Protein backbone atom coordinates (compact mmCIF):
# COMPACT_ATOMS: atom_id res chain seq x y z
CA MET A 1 71.79 22.26 -20.75
CA LYS A 2 74.41 20.15 -22.55
CA ALA A 3 72.50 20.39 -25.80
CA LEU A 4 72.23 24.15 -25.45
CA VAL A 5 75.96 24.53 -24.90
CA LEU A 6 76.58 22.57 -28.11
CA ILE A 7 74.18 24.81 -29.99
CA TYR A 8 75.99 27.91 -28.83
CA THR A 9 79.52 26.60 -29.38
CA THR A 10 79.96 28.36 -32.72
CA LEU A 11 78.52 31.58 -31.35
CA LEU A 12 80.81 31.53 -28.33
CA MET A 13 83.91 31.00 -30.47
CA THR A 14 83.09 34.03 -32.59
CA THR A 15 82.01 36.29 -29.74
CA LEU A 16 84.96 35.56 -27.46
CA THR A 17 86.95 38.02 -29.54
CA ALA A 18 84.05 40.03 -30.90
CA TYR A 19 82.96 41.47 -27.56
CA ALA A 20 86.38 43.04 -27.00
CA GLN A 21 85.71 45.63 -29.71
CA PRO A 22 82.33 46.76 -31.09
CA ASP A 23 81.46 45.89 -34.67
CA LYS A 24 82.81 48.28 -37.30
CA GLN A 25 79.34 48.87 -38.67
CA GLU A 26 77.97 52.41 -38.62
CA SER A 27 76.34 52.88 -35.23
CA ALA A 28 73.13 54.71 -34.47
CA LYS A 29 73.18 58.29 -33.21
CA LEU A 30 73.18 58.97 -29.47
CA ILE A 31 70.80 61.83 -28.62
CA GLU A 32 70.86 63.82 -25.39
CA VAL A 33 67.42 63.99 -23.74
CA ALA A 34 68.07 65.78 -20.44
CA GLN A 35 70.79 67.03 -18.10
CA PHE A 36 70.88 66.58 -14.31
CA GLY A 37 73.81 68.71 -13.23
CA HIS A 38 75.65 67.01 -10.36
CA TYR A 39 72.72 64.72 -9.49
CA GLN A 40 73.65 61.14 -10.38
CA PRO A 41 70.90 59.18 -12.17
CA ILE A 42 70.61 55.41 -12.03
CA GLY A 43 67.18 54.08 -12.99
CA VAL A 44 65.02 55.22 -15.90
CA ALA A 45 61.48 54.24 -16.88
CA VAL A 46 59.45 55.34 -19.90
CA THR A 47 55.74 54.55 -19.92
CA GLN A 48 53.52 53.53 -22.82
CA THR A 49 52.33 57.14 -23.01
CA GLY A 50 55.86 58.57 -23.04
CA ARG A 51 56.19 59.75 -19.44
CA ILE A 52 59.80 59.61 -18.24
CA PHE A 53 60.90 58.82 -14.68
CA ILE A 54 64.41 58.84 -13.21
CA THR A 55 65.73 57.46 -9.91
CA PHE A 56 68.51 59.20 -8.03
CA PRO A 57 70.18 57.15 -5.27
CA ARG A 58 71.13 58.72 -1.98
CA HIS A 59 74.52 60.20 -2.84
CA MET A 60 75.71 63.77 -2.48
CA PRO A 61 74.40 66.08 -3.76
CA TYR A 62 70.83 64.84 -3.40
CA GLU A 63 67.44 66.42 -4.01
CA TYR A 64 64.85 63.83 -5.09
CA GLY A 65 64.85 60.05 -4.97
CA VAL A 66 62.40 59.73 -7.86
CA ALA A 67 61.54 62.44 -10.37
CA GLU A 68 59.35 62.75 -13.42
CA LEU A 69 60.77 64.72 -16.32
CA VAL A 70 58.28 67.40 -17.35
CA ASN A 71 59.43 69.78 -20.08
CA GLY A 72 63.00 68.84 -19.25
CA GLN A 73 62.59 69.66 -15.55
CA ARG A 74 62.63 67.26 -12.60
CA ARG A 75 59.50 67.05 -10.47
CA PRO A 76 59.38 64.88 -7.32
CA TYR A 77 57.31 61.75 -7.87
CA PRO A 78 54.80 60.61 -6.77
CA ASP A 79 54.95 63.67 -4.53
CA ALA A 80 57.28 65.77 -2.41
CA GLU A 81 56.46 63.86 0.79
CA TRP A 82 57.80 60.55 -0.49
CA ASN A 83 60.97 62.37 -1.57
CA LYS A 84 61.75 63.88 1.83
CA TYR A 85 64.80 62.12 3.20
CA ASP A 86 64.23 60.93 6.76
CA SER A 87 66.08 57.80 7.85
CA THR A 88 64.00 57.69 11.06
CA GLN A 89 60.86 57.21 8.96
CA ALA A 90 62.38 55.05 6.26
CA ASP A 91 59.15 53.14 5.73
CA ARG A 92 57.35 56.17 4.29
CA HIS A 93 60.12 58.02 2.45
CA PHE A 94 62.59 57.12 -0.27
CA VAL A 95 65.91 56.17 1.29
CA ASN A 96 67.93 55.09 -1.74
CA ALA A 97 65.66 54.73 -4.76
CA GLN A 98 67.44 52.42 -7.19
CA ALA A 99 65.19 51.14 -9.98
CA ALA A 100 61.96 52.09 -11.74
CA TRP A 101 59.92 49.79 -13.97
CA PRO A 102 56.63 50.47 -15.86
CA ASP A 103 54.46 47.39 -16.31
CA ASP A 104 51.93 46.75 -19.08
CA GLN A 105 48.96 47.62 -16.84
CA ASN A 106 49.75 51.32 -16.33
CA ASN A 107 51.64 50.97 -13.06
CA LEU A 108 55.09 52.27 -12.12
CA TRP A 109 57.18 50.18 -9.74
CA ILE A 110 59.91 51.80 -7.63
CA LEU A 111 62.54 49.70 -5.87
CA ASP A 112 64.19 51.16 -2.76
CA PRO A 113 66.89 48.89 -1.25
CA ALA A 114 67.29 51.46 1.55
CA ASN A 115 71.09 51.44 1.62
CA PRO A 116 71.99 55.17 1.50
CA MET A 117 75.43 56.06 0.18
CA ASP A 118 75.78 52.36 -0.71
CA GLY A 119 76.20 51.72 3.00
CA THR A 120 74.33 49.77 5.65
CA THR A 121 70.78 48.76 4.78
CA ILE A 122 67.98 50.27 6.88
CA PRO A 123 65.66 47.22 7.18
CA THR A 124 62.41 49.16 7.64
CA GLY A 125 63.15 51.15 4.49
CA VAL A 126 63.47 48.20 2.10
CA LYS A 127 60.44 48.39 -0.19
CA LEU A 128 58.88 48.03 -3.61
CA LEU A 129 56.19 50.58 -4.46
CA LYS A 130 53.35 50.04 -6.89
CA ILE A 131 52.12 53.40 -8.19
CA ASN A 132 48.99 53.80 -10.32
CA LEU A 133 49.99 56.05 -13.21
CA SER A 134 46.38 57.08 -13.82
CA ASN A 135 46.12 58.96 -10.54
CA ASN A 136 49.77 58.93 -9.32
CA GLN A 137 48.76 57.24 -6.09
CA VAL A 138 50.78 54.60 -4.25
CA GLU A 139 48.55 51.52 -4.31
CA HIS A 140 50.75 49.06 -2.46
CA VAL A 141 54.09 48.86 -0.67
CA TYR A 142 55.85 45.49 -0.48
CA ARG A 143 58.35 45.33 2.39
CA PHE A 144 60.12 41.95 2.11
CA GLU A 145 59.66 41.24 5.80
CA ASP A 146 60.25 37.53 5.23
CA LEU A 147 63.82 38.20 4.01
CA PRO A 148 66.91 39.07 6.10
CA ARG A 149 66.59 42.71 5.04
CA GLU A 150 69.70 43.85 6.90
CA LYS A 151 71.76 41.46 4.77
CA ILE A 152 70.44 42.31 1.30
CA ALA A 153 70.86 45.13 -1.23
CA LEU A 154 68.21 44.74 -3.93
CA ASN A 155 69.27 46.10 -7.30
CA ASP A 156 66.74 45.77 -10.14
CA VAL A 157 63.18 44.58 -10.73
CA ARG A 158 60.95 43.20 -13.47
CA ILE A 159 57.21 42.62 -13.20
CA ASP A 160 55.46 39.53 -14.55
CA THR A 161 51.81 40.58 -14.83
CA LYS A 162 50.90 37.20 -16.31
CA ARG A 163 51.87 35.32 -13.15
CA GLN A 164 51.63 38.27 -10.74
CA LEU A 165 55.25 37.90 -9.70
CA ALA A 166 58.17 40.30 -9.38
CA TYR A 167 61.75 39.19 -10.10
CA LEU A 168 64.58 41.10 -8.44
CA SER A 169 68.36 40.85 -8.60
CA GLU A 170 70.10 40.65 -5.24
CA PRO A 171 73.88 40.99 -5.68
CA LYS A 172 74.79 41.04 -2.00
CA THR A 173 73.65 37.43 -1.49
CA SER A 174 74.17 36.41 -5.11
CA SER A 175 70.55 35.44 -5.68
CA ILE A 176 67.29 36.14 -7.47
CA ILE A 177 64.32 37.21 -5.34
CA ILE A 178 60.84 36.17 -6.43
CA LEU A 179 58.02 38.18 -4.89
CA ASP A 180 54.41 36.97 -5.06
CA LEU A 181 52.43 40.15 -5.69
CA LYS A 182 49.19 38.58 -4.48
CA THR A 183 50.44 37.29 -1.12
CA GLY A 184 53.45 39.55 -0.52
CA LYS A 185 55.60 36.51 0.22
CA SER A 186 59.09 36.32 -1.26
CA ARG A 187 61.78 33.69 -1.70
CA GLN A 188 65.43 33.54 -2.77
CA VAL A 189 66.54 31.27 -5.59
CA LEU A 190 69.79 30.39 -7.37
CA GLN A 191 71.72 31.69 -4.37
CA GLU A 192 75.48 31.33 -4.88
CA ASP A 193 74.86 29.65 -8.23
CA LYS A 194 77.67 30.05 -10.77
CA SER A 195 75.25 32.01 -12.97
CA THR A 196 74.56 34.61 -10.26
CA LYS A 197 78.09 35.02 -8.92
CA ALA A 198 80.89 37.30 -10.02
CA GLU A 199 84.05 35.60 -11.21
CA PRO A 200 86.60 35.59 -8.36
CA GLY A 201 89.42 38.07 -8.97
CA PHE A 202 87.72 39.57 -12.04
CA LYS A 203 88.46 43.32 -12.17
CA LEU A 204 86.77 45.91 -14.35
CA HIS A 205 89.31 47.73 -16.52
CA LEU A 206 87.92 51.06 -17.71
CA ASP A 207 89.60 54.21 -19.02
CA GLY A 208 92.93 52.41 -19.00
CA LYS A 209 92.87 51.41 -15.33
CA ASP A 210 91.33 48.89 -12.96
CA VAL A 211 88.28 50.06 -11.01
CA VAL A 212 89.88 49.71 -7.57
CA ASP A 213 89.64 51.92 -4.48
CA ASP A 214 92.50 53.26 -2.36
CA ARG A 215 92.44 50.17 -0.14
CA GLY A 216 92.97 47.96 -3.16
CA LYS A 217 89.39 46.69 -3.12
CA ALA A 218 88.06 46.22 -6.63
CA PHE A 219 84.51 47.10 -7.62
CA SER A 220 82.57 43.86 -7.77
CA SER A 221 78.93 42.91 -8.19
CA ASN A 222 77.20 39.56 -8.33
CA VAL A 223 73.92 39.22 -10.24
CA ASN A 224 72.95 42.75 -11.27
CA GLY A 225 71.35 43.41 -14.65
CA ILE A 226 68.13 41.54 -15.48
CA ALA A 227 65.64 41.42 -18.35
CA LEU A 228 62.24 39.82 -18.89
CA THR A 229 60.97 39.14 -22.40
CA HIS A 230 57.67 40.73 -23.40
CA ASP A 231 55.96 37.35 -23.65
CA PHE A 232 57.14 36.55 -20.08
CA LYS A 233 58.84 33.43 -21.43
CA TYR A 234 62.49 34.07 -20.55
CA PHE A 235 64.31 35.82 -17.73
CA TYR A 236 67.86 37.02 -18.52
CA PHE A 237 70.43 37.83 -15.85
CA ARG A 238 74.14 38.23 -15.21
CA ALA A 239 76.76 39.43 -12.75
CA ILE A 240 78.85 42.47 -13.68
CA ASN A 241 82.26 40.98 -12.93
CA GLN A 242 82.28 38.27 -15.57
CA THR A 243 81.50 38.05 -19.28
CA LYS A 244 78.57 35.66 -19.70
CA LEU A 245 74.86 36.21 -20.24
CA TYR A 246 72.44 33.65 -18.81
CA ARG A 247 68.73 33.02 -19.03
CA ILE A 248 66.11 30.67 -17.62
CA ALA A 249 62.60 29.86 -18.82
CA VAL A 250 60.15 31.63 -16.51
CA ASP A 251 58.04 28.48 -16.21
CA TYR A 252 60.96 26.98 -14.29
CA LEU A 253 61.88 30.13 -12.39
CA ALA A 254 58.31 30.58 -11.12
CA ASN A 255 57.94 26.93 -10.10
CA ARG A 256 58.06 26.88 -6.29
CA SER A 257 58.50 23.12 -6.20
CA LEU A 258 61.97 23.22 -7.80
CA THR A 259 65.04 23.29 -5.58
CA ASP A 260 68.02 25.52 -6.38
CA ALA A 261 69.89 22.49 -7.67
CA GLU A 262 67.00 21.65 -9.99
CA LEU A 263 66.64 25.26 -11.11
CA SER A 264 70.33 25.46 -11.89
CA LYS A 265 69.98 22.63 -14.40
CA HIS A 266 67.56 24.80 -16.39
CA VAL A 267 69.85 27.85 -16.55
CA GLU A 268 71.05 28.41 -20.11
CA LEU A 269 74.28 30.05 -21.21
CA VAL A 270 73.22 32.48 -23.93
CA SER A 271 76.44 34.15 -25.03
CA GLU A 272 79.78 35.66 -24.17
CA THR A 273 79.03 39.39 -24.17
CA GLY A 274 81.84 41.10 -22.29
CA ILE A 275 81.30 43.33 -19.26
CA SER A 276 77.78 44.68 -18.84
CA HIS A 277 75.67 46.42 -16.20
CA GLY A 278 72.00 46.97 -17.04
CA MET A 279 69.92 45.22 -19.68
CA ILE A 280 66.45 45.19 -21.23
CA ALA A 281 64.50 43.13 -23.79
CA ASP A 282 62.44 44.61 -26.61
CA SER A 283 59.30 43.28 -28.31
CA LYS A 284 61.39 41.62 -31.04
CA GLY A 285 63.30 39.49 -28.57
CA ASN A 286 66.53 41.51 -28.69
CA VAL A 287 68.33 41.86 -25.35
CA TYR A 288 70.29 45.12 -24.95
CA LEU A 289 73.38 45.29 -22.77
CA THR A 290 75.73 48.06 -21.75
CA ASP A 291 79.42 47.83 -22.70
CA SER A 292 81.46 50.12 -20.44
CA PRO A 293 84.97 49.21 -21.67
CA ASN A 294 84.06 50.21 -25.23
CA LYS A 295 81.58 52.98 -24.33
CA ALA A 296 78.94 51.19 -26.36
CA ILE A 297 75.52 49.57 -26.30
CA ARG A 298 75.34 46.01 -27.58
CA TYR A 299 72.44 43.64 -28.15
CA VAL A 300 71.93 39.92 -28.53
CA THR A 301 69.38 39.18 -31.25
CA SER A 302 66.65 36.58 -30.92
CA ASN A 303 68.78 34.21 -33.02
CA GLY A 304 71.84 34.66 -30.82
CA HIS A 305 73.95 37.17 -32.76
CA LEU A 306 75.84 39.85 -30.83
CA GLU A 307 75.53 43.29 -32.47
CA THR A 308 76.50 46.89 -31.70
CA LEU A 309 73.78 49.53 -31.55
CA VAL A 310 75.83 52.62 -30.72
CA GLN A 311 79.32 53.62 -29.63
CA ASP A 312 79.97 57.08 -28.21
CA LYS A 313 82.60 58.60 -25.91
CA ARG A 314 79.79 60.00 -23.72
CA LEU A 315 78.74 56.48 -22.70
CA ILE A 316 80.66 56.47 -19.43
CA TRP A 317 79.36 53.53 -17.39
CA PRO A 318 76.01 53.28 -19.22
CA ASP A 319 73.78 51.92 -16.51
CA THR A 320 70.04 51.45 -16.99
CA PHE A 321 67.68 51.16 -19.97
CA ALA A 322 64.07 51.94 -20.82
CA ILE A 323 62.17 51.58 -24.09
CA GLY A 324 59.81 54.36 -25.14
CA PRO A 325 56.70 54.29 -27.36
CA ASP A 326 58.67 56.45 -29.83
CA GLY A 327 60.89 53.51 -30.79
CA TYR A 328 63.92 54.75 -28.84
CA LEU A 329 66.08 53.10 -26.22
CA TYR A 330 66.62 55.46 -23.26
CA LEU A 331 69.62 55.12 -20.97
CA THR A 332 71.40 56.69 -18.03
CA CYS A 333 75.16 56.93 -17.53
CA SER A 334 76.14 56.84 -13.86
CA GLN A 335 79.94 57.23 -14.30
CA ILE A 336 80.58 55.10 -11.21
CA ASN A 337 84.19 54.46 -12.22
CA ARG A 338 84.83 58.23 -12.34
CA ALA A 339 83.90 58.78 -8.66
CA LYS A 340 86.48 59.85 -6.06
CA LYS A 341 86.38 56.39 -4.51
CA TYR A 342 88.09 54.85 -7.53
CA ASN A 343 90.40 57.74 -8.42
CA HIS A 344 92.52 58.39 -5.31
CA GLY A 345 90.12 61.02 -4.02
CA GLU A 346 89.89 62.92 -7.30
CA ASN A 347 86.45 63.43 -8.82
CA LYS A 348 86.73 62.62 -12.54
CA VAL A 349 83.03 62.71 -13.37
CA GLU A 350 82.22 64.60 -16.57
CA TYR A 351 79.32 66.87 -15.62
CA PRO A 352 76.49 67.27 -16.21
CA PHE A 353 75.02 63.81 -15.75
CA ARG A 354 72.74 63.08 -18.70
CA LEU A 355 69.90 60.99 -20.03
CA PHE A 356 70.35 59.74 -23.60
CA LYS A 357 68.32 57.92 -26.19
CA VAL A 358 69.11 56.01 -29.38
CA LYS A 359 66.86 54.65 -32.11
CA LEU A 360 66.07 50.95 -31.84
CA PRO A 361 67.20 48.75 -34.76
């Protein structure tokens, strides 16, 4: 770890100021893909064949938890039954679909933390669905029964088909969850580690103001965005309310024999990147990050350089990424800072909500 910090010293000195404003290079063009009216999107997944899926958390208004985009229109996925909201049967319906992830074996994974309206978690509704994209059938539902489900709020997921493991960010307890896809058993790691925790007192400052509600409570999230490299070698992660990007070699992360203290020694500081929410890695080893303060998308190259991909005034709280077979980066903008909660009861969302894409470098 000490050697790594020395290696990155020069990079950190240059990026400490660089992340405050995007590079002055000509950015790529942001292209609108779809509009969702008043329905707020969060997760996006694009399969190897180009199918597009969007998750819509349980906010108002609400229609579907998960939808496939077909000719620009939303269709409930995998079917209408799963998308019926019924908190009394939370085990068999989407409660608060948060994330979608397509693996490299033609499966779509849907994460439902079951905390509607960002409120209290419904324990029986916490689940991770594995859906076979060939026949659109739910093949397995993982329910995290060995975790204190009433105390967690799962956020994002990546699938390691090499080791048959799922890695999930868990901001409520400041930890990473590792789910064994063969046994269904899960465990929490790096809980309350400095790499998974938000910086105390760190406030997001967007659109010229702090993101704070009427009670004076600032928006804050511990470990949130995650990324897994295509070779399953590195797992990247970070909290929203701080400015650092971390990673750990998956060989260490997947090693059940290591304690949290031992794991922490293998966590690497990658770069100072500024504020970021979602992230994703491409096949070249680039890691893409959102940049809400500057309404931009940034990326850290495989050799550690921080670059700007696109800057556009429409990038209001860019949230989640997907990479399509067409060579484009797809992204949602959730506009969380524009909600009534953070604007003295005034809704400042710029409708319609949209899905965008931008050409990869």
